[in-house]
């Protein structure tokens, strides 16, 4: 919950659009995203989806994972870390 609140505070201080607050909620369900998914989830254009991802990168919420120039995926590393810590180890 603390991380979620921190992310929302970052967005508020950055003057982010309301759609990005929804992206944060979705990242806590699935901490990975790509441009195509944002287009589908939010009903935004490709340039808008790309700008949202860039903004979340700038705010240190997302990090590009693939190293490719096309068909890239981003993760929320802090969320992934929490999942790994809290996941039951077998």
PDB file of N, CA and C in Angstrom:
ATOM      1  N   UNK A   1       0.822  -1.198   0.000  1.00  0.00           N
ATOM      2  CA  UNK A   1       0.000   0.000   0.000  1.00  0.00           C
ATOM      3  C   UNK A   1       0.868   1.265   0.000  1.00  0.00           C
ATOM      4  N   UNK A   2       1.971   1.213   0.708  1.00  0.00           N
ATOM      5  CA  UNK A   2       2.857   2.366   0.765  1.00  0.00           C
ATOM      6  C   UNK A   2       3.415   2.686  -0.620  1.00  0.00           C
ATOM      7  N   UNK A   3       3.807   1.662  -1.343  1.00  0.00           N
ATOM      8  CA  UNK A   3       4.343   1.870  -2.686  1.00  0.00           C
ATOM      9  C   UNK A   3       3.272   2.463  -3.604  1.00  0.00           C
ATOM     10  N   UNK A   4       2.064   1.937  -3.536  1.00  0.00           N
ATOM     11  CA  UNK A   4       0.954   2.436  -4.342  1.00  0.00           C
ATOM     12  C   UNK A   4       0.720   3.917  -4.054  1.00  0.00           C
ATOM     13  N   UNK A   5       0.656   4.269  -2.792  1.00  0.00           N
ATOM     14  CA  UNK A   5       0.457   5.661  -2.401  1.00  0.00           C
ATOM     15  C   UNK A   5       1.608   6.538  -2.893  1.00  0.00           C
ATOM     16  N   UNK A   6       2.823   6.031  -2.799  1.00  0.00           N
ATOM     17  CA  UNK A   6       3.982   6.771  -3.284  1.00  0.00           C
ATOM     18  C   UNK A   6       3.917   7.034  -4.776  1.00  0.00           C
ATOM     19  N   UNK A   7       3.493   6.030  -5.538  1.00  0.00           N
ATOM     20  CA  UNK A   7       3.341   6.205  -6.976  1.00  0.00           C
ATOM     21  C   UNK A   7       2.288   7.276  -7.283  1.00  0.00           C
ATOM     22  N   UNK A   8       1.167   7.203  -6.583  1.00  0.00           N
ATOM     23  CA  UNK A   8       0.110   8.188  -6.820  1.00  0.00           C
ATOM     24  C   UNK A   8       0.589   9.589  -6.468  1.00  0.00           C
ATOM     25  N   UNK A   9       1.363   9.713  -5.405  1.00  0.00           N
ATOM     26  CA  UNK A   9       1.922  11.017  -5.031  1.00  0.00           C
ATOM     27  C   UNK A   9       2.858  11.541  -6.116  1.00  0.00           C
ATOM     28  N   UNK A  10       3.682  10.652  -6.687  1.00  0.00           N
ATOM     29  CA  UNK A  10       4.575  11.070  -7.776  1.00  0.00           C
ATOM     30  C   UNK A  10       3.774  11.627  -8.952  1.00  0.00           C
ATOM     31  N   UNK A  11       2.683  10.921  -9.283  1.00  0.00           N
ATOM     32  CA  UNK A  11       1.854  11.368 -10.400  1.00  0.00           C
ATOM     33  C   UNK A  11       1.207  12.713 -10.092  1.00  0.00           C
ATOM     34  N   UNK A  12       0.709  12.869  -8.861  1.00  0.00           N
ATOM     35  CA  UNK A  12       0.075  14.141  -8.479  1.00  0.00           C
ATOM     36  C   UNK A  12       1.062  15.290  -8.589  1.00  0.00           C
ATOM     37  N   UNK A  13       2.255  15.106  -8.070  1.00  0.00           N
ATOM     38  CA  UNK A  13       3.264  16.160  -8.114  1.00  0.00           C
ATOM     39  C   UNK A  13       3.711  16.461  -9.541  1.00  0.00           C
ATOM     40  N   UNK A  14       3.582  15.506 -10.424  1.00  0.00           N
ATOM     41  CA  UNK A  14       3.986  15.680 -11.821  1.00  0.00           C
ATOM     42  C   UNK A  14       2.843  16.243 -12.670  1.00  0.00           C
ATOM     43  N   UNK A  15       1.652  16.358 -12.086  1.00  0.00           N
ATOM     44  CA  UNK A  15       0.505  16.849 -12.840  1.00  0.00           C
ATOM     45  C   UNK A  15       0.045  15.888 -13.917  1.00  0.00           C
ATOM     46  N   UNK A  16       0.178  14.603 -13.652  1.00  0.00           N
ATOM     47  CA  UNK A  16      -0.140  13.560 -14.631  1.00  0.00           C
ATOM     48  C   UNK A  16      -1.641  13.501 -14.926  1.00  0.00           C
ATOM     49  N   UNK A  17      -2.000  13.083 -16.137  1.00  0.00           N
ATOM     50  CA  UNK A  17      -3.417  12.913 -16.482  1.00  0.00           C
ATOM     51  C   UNK A  17      -4.038  11.750 -15.708  1.00  0.00           C
ATOM     52  N   UNK A  18      -5.347  11.815 -15.554  1.00  0.00           N
ATOM     53  CA  UNK A  18      -6.078  10.812 -14.774  1.00  0.00           C
ATOM     54  C   UNK A  18      -5.840   9.389 -15.272  1.00  0.00           C
ATOM     55  N   UNK A  19      -5.659   9.209 -16.561  1.00  0.00           N
ATOM     56  CA  UNK A  19      -5.462   7.865 -17.117  1.00  0.00           C
ATOM     57  C   UNK A  19      -4.239   7.182 -16.505  1.00  0.00           C
ATOM     58  N   UNK A  20      -3.218   7.948 -16.165  1.00  0.00           N
ATOM     59  CA  UNK A  20      -2.017   7.333 -15.584  1.00  0.00           C
ATOM     60  C   UNK A  20      -2.276   6.768 -14.196  1.00  0.00           C
ATOM     61  N   UNK A  21      -3.224   7.325 -13.488  1.00  0.00           N
ATOM     62  CA  UNK A  21      -3.583   6.786 -12.177  1.00  0.00           C
ATOM     63  C   UNK A  21      -4.198   5.394 -12.352  1.00  0.00           C
ATOM     64  N   UNK A  22      -4.958   5.208 -13.418  1.00  0.00           N
ATOM     65  CA  UNK A  22      -5.517   3.878 -13.718  1.00  0.00           C
ATOM     66  C   UNK A  22      -4.410   2.896 -14.076  1.00  0.00           C
ATOM     67  N   UNK A  23      -3.403   3.379 -14.801  1.00  0.00           N
ATOM     68  CA  UNK A  23      -2.272   2.507 -15.158  1.00  0.00           C
ATOM     69  C   UNK A  23      -1.583   2.009 -13.893  1.00  0.00           C
ATOM     70  N   UNK A  24      -1.407   2.879 -12.916  1.00  0.00           N
ATOM     71  CA  UNK A  24      -0.772   2.475 -11.662  1.00  0.00           C
ATOM     72  C   UNK A  24      -1.574   1.356 -11.014  1.00  0.00           C
ATOM     73  N   UNK A  25      -2.883   1.517 -10.930  1.00  0.00           N
ATOM     74  CA  UNK A  25      -3.715   0.457 -10.345  1.00  0.00           C
ATOM     75  C   UNK A  25      -3.536  -0.854 -11.097  1.00  0.00           C
ATOM     76  N   UNK A  26      -3.473  -0.784 -12.413  1.00  0.00           N
ATOM     77  CA  UNK A  26      -3.321  -1.989 -13.227  1.00  0.00           C
ATOM     78  C   UNK A  26      -1.949  -2.628 -13.041  1.00  0.00           C
ATOM     79  N   UNK A  27      -0.929  -1.815 -12.812  1.00  0.00           N
ATOM     80  CA  UNK A  27       0.411  -2.373 -12.600  1.00  0.00           C
ATOM     81  C   UNK A  27       0.477  -3.234 -11.346  1.00  0.00           C
ATOM     82  N   UNK A  28      -0.364  -2.936 -10.370  1.00  0.00           N
ATOM     83  CA  UNK A  28      -0.376  -3.753  -9.159  1.00  0.00           C
ATOM     84  C   UNK A  28      -1.098  -5.076  -9.388  1.00  0.00           C
ATOM     85  N   UNK A  29      -1.832  -5.194 -10.483  1.00  0.00           N
ATOM     86  CA  UNK A  29      -2.429  -6.467 -10.871  1.00  0.00           C
ATOM     87  C   UNK A  29      -1.475  -7.245 -11.767  1.00  0.00           C
ATOM     88  N   UNK A  30      -0.832  -6.542 -12.694  1.00  0.00           N
ATOM     89  CA  UNK A  30       0.133  -7.134 -13.616  1.00  0.00           C
ATOM     90  C   UNK A  30       1.231  -6.098 -13.836  1.00  0.00           C
ATOM     91  N   UNK A  31       2.411  -6.300 -13.228  1.00  0.00           N
ATOM     92  CA  UNK A  31       3.449  -5.266 -13.231  1.00  0.00           C
ATOM     93  C   UNK A  31       4.271  -5.176 -14.518  1.00  0.00           C
ATOM     94  N   UNK A  32       3.637  -5.440 -15.639  1.00  0.00           N
ATOM     95  CA  UNK A  32       4.297  -5.312 -16.938  1.00  0.00           C
ATOM     96  C   UNK A  32       3.313  -4.681 -17.906  1.00  0.00           C
ATOM     97  N   UNK A  33       3.846  -3.933 -18.867  1.00  0.00           N
ATOM     98  CA  UNK A  33       2.978  -3.246 -19.810  1.00  0.00           C
ATOM     99  C   UNK A  33       3.748  -2.993 -21.102  1.00  0.00           C
ATOM    100  N   UNK A  34       3.003  -2.813 -22.185  1.00  0.00           N
ATOM    101  CA  UNK A  34       3.604  -2.368 -23.441  1.00  0.00           C
ATOM    102  C   UNK A  34       2.645  -1.381 -24.092  1.00  0.00           C
ATOM    103  N   UNK A  35       3.082  -0.760 -25.165  1.00  0.00           N
ATOM    104  CA  UNK A  35       2.283   0.285 -25.810  1.00  0.00           C
ATOM    105  C   UNK A  35       0.939  -0.265 -26.277  1.00  0.00           C
ATOM    106  N   UNK A  36       0.943  -1.433 -26.896  1.00  0.00           N
ATOM    107  CA  UNK A  36      -0.302  -2.025 -27.400  1.00  0.00           C
ATOM    108  C   UNK A  36      -1.311  -2.229 -26.278  1.00  0.00           C
ATOM    109  N   UNK A  37      -0.847  -2.709 -25.132  1.00  0.00           N
ATOM    110  CA  UNK A  37      -1.759  -2.922 -24.002  1.00  0.00           C
ATOM    111  C   UNK A  37      -2.357  -1.606 -23.516  1.00  0.00           C
ATOM    112  N   UNK A  38      -1.538  -0.563 -23.444  1.00  0.00           N
ATOM    113  CA  UNK A  38      -2.080   0.731 -23.011  1.00  0.00           C
ATOM    114  C   UNK A  38      -3.108   1.257 -23.998  1.00  0.00           C
ATOM    115  N   UNK A  39      -2.869   1.075 -25.280  1.00  0.00           N
ATOM    116  CA  UNK A  39      -3.831   1.502 -26.290  1.00  0.00           C
ATOM    117  C   UNK A  39      -5.167   0.800 -26.055  1.00  0.00           C
ATOM    118  N   UNK A  40      -5.107  -0.511 -25.824  1.00  0.00           N
ATOM    119  CA  UNK A  40      -6.327  -1.288 -25.615  1.00  0.00           C
ATOM    120  C   UNK A  40      -7.005  -0.962 -24.290  1.00  0.00           C
ATOM    121  N   UNK A  41      -6.219  -0.896 -23.217  1.00  0.00           N
ATOM    122  CA  UNK A  41      -6.794  -0.656 -21.880  1.00  0.00           C
ATOM    123  C   UNK A  41      -7.395   0.731 -21.730  1.00  0.00           C
ATOM    124  N   UNK A  42      -6.707   1.732 -22.290  1.00  0.00           N
ATOM    125  CA  UNK A  42      -7.108   3.113 -22.052  1.00  0.00           C
ATOM    126  C   UNK A  42      -7.842   3.745 -23.217  1.00  0.00           C
ATOM    127  N   UNK A  43      -7.795   3.098 -24.378  1.00  0.00           N
ATOM    128  CA  UNK A  43      -8.442   3.659 -25.558  1.00  0.00           C
ATOM    129  C   UNK A  43      -7.756   4.934 -26.037  1.00  0.00           C
ATOM    130  N   UNK A  44      -6.423   4.954 -25.934  1.00  0.00           N
ATOM    131  CA  UNK A  44      -5.651   6.120 -26.363  1.00  0.00           C
ATOM    132  C   UNK A  44      -4.897   5.800 -27.649  1.00  0.00           C
ATOM    133  N   UNK A  45      -4.349   6.834 -28.268  1.00  0.00           N
ATOM    134  CA  UNK A  45      -3.571   6.638 -29.490  1.00  0.00           C
ATOM    135  C   UNK A  45      -2.184   6.083 -29.155  1.00  0.00           C
ATOM    136  N   UNK A  46      -1.497   5.608 -30.180  1.00  0.00           N
ATOM    137  CA  UNK A  46      -0.143   5.083 -29.984  1.00  0.00           C
ATOM    138  C   UNK A  46       0.805   6.162 -29.449  1.00  0.00           C
ATOM    139  N   UNK A  47       0.781   7.382 -30.011  1.00  0.00           N
ATOM    140  CA  UNK A  47       1.664   8.416 -29.453  1.00  0.00           C
ATOM    141  C   UNK A  47       1.354   8.735 -27.981  1.00  0.00           C
ATOM    142  N   UNK A  48       0.072   8.747 -27.625  1.00  0.00           N
ATOM    143  CA  UNK A  48      -0.300   9.019 -26.234  1.00  0.00           C
ATOM    144  C   UNK A  48       0.178   7.896 -25.329  1.00  0.00           C
ATOM    145  N   UNK A  49      -0.023   6.655 -25.750  1.00  0.00           N
ATOM    146  CA  UNK A  49       0.449   5.521 -24.953  1.00  0.00           C
ATOM    147  C   UNK A  49       1.963   5.594 -24.766  1.00  0.00           C
ATOM    148  N   UNK A  50       2.676   5.926 -25.824  1.00  0.00           N
ATOM    149  CA  UNK A  50       4.123   6.062 -25.732  1.00  0.00           C
ATOM    150  C   UNK A  50       4.538   7.167 -24.777  1.00  0.00           C
ATOM    151  N   UNK A  51       3.816   8.282 -24.808  1.00  0.00           N
ATOM    152  CA  UNK A  51       4.155   9.394 -23.908  1.00  0.00           C
ATOM    153  C   UNK A  51       3.859   9.031 -22.463  1.00  0.00           C
ATOM    154  N   UNK A  52       2.808   8.239 -22.231  1.00  0.00           N
ATOM    155  CA  UNK A  52       2.505   7.790 -20.871  1.00  0.00           C
ATOM    156  C   UNK A  52       3.636   6.915 -20.338  1.00  0.00           C
ATOM    157  N   UNK A  53       4.109   6.010 -21.178  1.00  0.00           N
ATOM    158  CA  UNK A  53       5.198   5.132 -20.747  1.00  0.00           C
ATOM    159  C   UNK A  53       6.454   5.949 -20.458  1.00  0.00           C
ATOM    160  N   UNK A  54       6.764   6.893 -21.323  1.00  0.00           N
ATOM    161  CA  UNK A  54       7.942   7.747 -21.084  1.00  0.00           C
ATOM    162  C   UNK A  54       7.816   8.503 -19.771  1.00  0.00           C
ATOM    163  N   UNK A  55       6.635   8.972 -19.485  1.00  0.00           N
ATOM    164  CA  UNK A  55       6.416   9.708 -18.237  1.00  0.00           C
ATOM    165  C   UNK A  55       6.616   8.803 -17.035  1.00  0.00           C
ATOM    166  N   UNK A  56       6.105   7.579 -17.112  1.00  0.00           N
ATOM    167  CA  UNK A  56       6.270   6.631 -16.006  1.00  0.00           C
ATOM    168  C   UNK A  56       7.732   6.210 -15.857  1.00  0.00           C
ATOM    169  N   UNK A  57       8.467   6.173 -16.955  1.00  0.00           N
ATOM    170  CA  UNK A  57       9.910   5.915 -16.872  1.00  0.00           C
ATOM    171  C   UNK A  57      10.610   7.074 -16.161  1.00  0.00           C
ATOM    172  N   UNK A  58      10.265   8.289 -16.556  1.00  0.00           N
ATOM    173  CA  UNK A  58      10.863   9.482 -15.968  1.00  0.00           C
ATOM    174  C   UNK A  58      10.617   9.537 -14.455  1.00  0.00           C
ATOM    175  N   UNK A  59       9.455   9.038 -14.026  1.00  0.00           N
ATOM    176  CA  UNK A  59       9.101   9.036 -12.607  1.00  0.00           C
ATOM    177  C   UNK A  59       9.641   7.806 -11.872  1.00  0.00           C
ATOM    178  N   UNK A  60      10.472   7.011 -12.561  1.00  0.00           N
ATOM    179  CA  UNK A  60      11.068   5.798 -11.985  1.00  0.00           C
ATOM    180  C   UNK A  60      10.030   4.784 -11.512  1.00  0.00           C
ATOM    181  N   UNK A  61       8.944   4.686 -12.268  1.00  0.00           N
ATOM    182  CA  UNK A  61       7.920   3.684 -11.975  1.00  0.00           C
ATOM    183  C   UNK A  61       8.076   2.496 -12.919  1.00  0.00           C
ATOM    184  N   UNK A  62       8.394   2.767 -14.175  1.00  0.00           N
ATOM    185  CA  UNK A  62       8.607   1.714 -15.165  1.00  0.00           C
ATOM    186  C   UNK A  62      10.058   1.684 -15.620  1.00  0.00           C
ATOM    187  N   UNK A  63      10.488   0.500 -16.053  1.00  0.00           N
ATOM    188  CA  UNK A  63      11.815   0.336 -16.650  1.00  0.00           C
ATOM    189  C   UNK A  63      11.665  -0.593 -17.855  1.00  0.00           C
ATOM    190  N   UNK A  64      12.261  -0.187 -18.971  1.00  0.00           N
ATOM    191  CA  UNK A  64      12.215  -1.008 -20.189  1.00  0.00           C
ATOM    192  C   UNK A  64      12.957  -2.303 -19.929  1.00  0.00           C
ATOM    193  N   UNK A  65      12.374  -3.409 -20.360  1.00  0.00           N
ATOM    194  CA  UNK A  65      12.892  -4.725 -20.002  1.00  0.00           C
ATOM    195  C   UNK A  65      13.551  -5.468 -21.149  1.00  0.00           C
ATOM    196  N   UNK A  66      13.143  -5.211 -22.384  1.00  0.00           N
ATOM    197  CA  UNK A  66      13.570  -6.078 -23.483  1.00  0.00           C
ATOM    198  C   UNK A  66      14.906  -5.690 -24.098  1.00  0.00           C
ATOM    199  N   UNK A  67      15.244  -4.401 -24.085  1.00  0.00           N
ATOM    200  CA  UNK A  67      16.460  -3.939 -24.743  1.00  0.00           C
ATOM    201  C   UNK A  67      16.308  -3.804 -26.249  1.00  0.00           C
ATOM    202  N   UNK A  68      15.104  -4.007 -26.745  1.00  0.00           N
ATOM    203  CA  UNK A  68      14.840  -3.884 -28.182  1.00  0.00           C
ATOM    204  C   UNK A  68      14.382  -2.477 -28.511  1.00  0.00           C
ATOM    205  N   UNK A  69      14.375  -2.172 -29.804  1.00  0.00           N
ATOM    206  CA  UNK A  69      13.867  -0.875 -30.240  1.00  0.00           C
ATOM    207  C   UNK A  69      12.394  -0.936 -30.626  1.00  0.00           C
ATOM    208  N   UNK A  70      11.903  -2.148 -30.914  1.00  0.00           N
ATOM    209  CA  UNK A  70      10.495  -2.345 -31.263  1.00  0.00           C
ATOM    210  C   UNK A  70       9.933  -3.439 -30.377  1.00  0.00           C
ATOM    211  N   UNK A  71       8.600  -3.441 -30.270  1.00  0.00           N
ATOM    212  CA  UNK A  71       7.920  -4.475 -29.478  1.00  0.00           C
ATOM    213  C   UNK A  71       8.505  -4.575 -28.075  1.00  0.00           C
ATOM    214  N   UNK A  72       8.654  -3.441 -27.439  1.00  0.00           N
ATOM    215  CA  UNK A  72       9.262  -3.404 -26.114  1.00  0.00           C
ATOM    216  C   UNK A  72       8.236  -3.614 -25.014  1.00  0.00           C
ATOM    217  N   UNK A  73       8.713  -4.078 -23.894  1.00  0.00           N
ATOM    218  CA  UNK A  73       7.910  -4.269 -22.693  1.00  0.00           C
ATOM    219  C   UNK A  73       8.575  -3.536 -21.543  1.00  0.00           C
ATOM    220  N   UNK A  74       7.756  -3.011 -20.661  1.00  0.00           N
ATOM    221  CA  UNK A  74       8.247  -2.325 -19.479  1.00  0.00           C
ATOM    222  C   UNK A  74       7.721  -3.041 -18.249  1.00  0.00           C
ATOM    223  N   UNK A  75       8.505  -3.004 -17.181  1.00  0.00           N
ATOM    224  CA  UNK A  75       8.068  -3.573 -15.911  1.00  0.00           C
ATOM    225  C   UNK A  75       8.139  -2.497 -14.839  1.00  0.00           C
ATOM    226  N   UNK A  76       7.414  -2.748 -13.775  1.00  0.00           N
ATOM    227  CA  UNK A  76       7.488  -1.911 -12.578  1.00  0.00           C
ATOM    228  C   UNK A  76       8.375  -2.685 -11.594  1.00  0.00           C
ATOM    229  N   UNK A  77       9.681  -2.425 -11.591  1.00  0.00           N
ATOM    230  CA  UNK A  77      10.604  -3.256 -10.823  1.00  0.00           C
ATOM    231  C   UNK A  77      10.344  -3.282  -9.319  1.00  0.00           C
ATOM    232  N   UNK A  78       9.857  -2.183  -8.762  1.00  0.00           N
ATOM    233  CA  UNK A  78       9.587  -2.186  -7.318  1.00  0.00           C
ATOM    234  C   UNK A  78       8.423  -3.113  -6.986  1.00  0.00           C
ATOM    235  N   UNK A  79       7.430  -3.159  -7.849  1.00  0.00           N
ATOM    236  CA  UNK A  79       6.299  -4.065  -7.623  1.00  0.00           C
ATOM    237  C   UNK A  79       6.758  -5.506  -7.781  1.00  0.00           C
ATOM    238  N   UNK A  80       7.550  -5.774  -8.813  1.00  0.00           N
ATOM    239  CA  UNK A  80       8.070  -7.130  -9.032  1.00  0.00           C
ATOM    240  C   UNK A  80       8.873  -7.593  -7.822  1.00  0.00           C
ATOM    241  N   UNK A  81       9.688  -6.716  -7.285  1.00  0.00           N
ATOM    242  CA  UNK A  81      10.508  -7.058  -6.114  1.00  0.00           C
ATOM    243  C   UNK A  81       9.634  -7.446  -4.923  1.00  0.00           C
ATOM    244  N   UNK A  82       8.558  -6.700  -4.696  1.00  0.00           N
ATOM    245  CA  UNK A  82       7.643  -7.024  -3.594  1.00  0.00           C
ATOM    246  C   UNK A  82       6.991  -8.370  -3.824  1.00  0.00           C
ATOM    247  N   UNK A  83       6.575  -8.639  -5.053  1.00  0.00           N
ATOM    248  CA  UNK A  83       5.956  -9.930  -5.374  1.00  0.00           C
ATOM    249  C   UNK A  83       6.940 -11.059  -5.103  1.00  0.00           C
ATOM    250  N   UNK A  84       8.187 -10.873  -5.503  1.00  0.00           N
ATOM    251  CA  UNK A  84       9.199 -11.911  -5.287  1.00  0.00           C
ATOM    252  C   UNK A  84       9.449 -12.146  -3.803  1.00  0.00           C
ATOM    253  N   UNK A  85       9.457 -11.092  -3.025  1.00  0.00           N
ATOM    254  CA  UNK A  85       9.688 -11.219  -1.585  1.00  0.00           C
ATOM    255  C   UNK A  85       8.518 -11.918  -0.908  1.00  0.00           C
ATOM    256  N   UNK A  86       7.309 -11.575  -1.318  1.00  0.00           N
ATOM    257  CA  UNK A  86       6.115 -12.101  -0.657  1.00  0.00           C
ATOM    258  C   UNK A  86       5.644 -13.438  -1.196  1.00  0.00           C
ATOM    259  N   UNK A  87       6.177 -13.852  -2.342  1.00  0.00           N
ATOM    260  CA  UNK A  87       5.755 -15.124  -2.926  1.00  0.00           C
ATOM    261  C   UNK A  87       6.249 -16.280  -2.064  1.00  0.00           C
ATOM    262  N   UNK A  88       5.400 -17.277  -1.851  1.00  0.00           N
ATOM    263  CA  UNK A  88       5.855 -18.435  -1.081  1.00  0.00           C
ATOM    264  C   UNK A  88       6.941 -19.183  -1.832  1.00  0.00           C
ATOM    265  N   UNK A  89       7.994 -19.501  -1.135  1.00  0.00           N
ATOM    266  CA  UNK A  89       9.110 -20.229  -1.725  1.00  0.00           C
ATOM    267  C   UNK A  89       8.907 -21.719  -1.513  1.00  0.00           C
ATOM    268  N   UNK A  90       9.036 -22.457  -2.597  1.00  0.00           N
ATOM    269  CA  UNK A  90       8.844 -23.912  -2.474  1.00  0.00           C
ATOM    270  C   UNK A  90      10.164 -24.628  -2.565  1.00  0.00           C
TER     271      UNK A  90
END
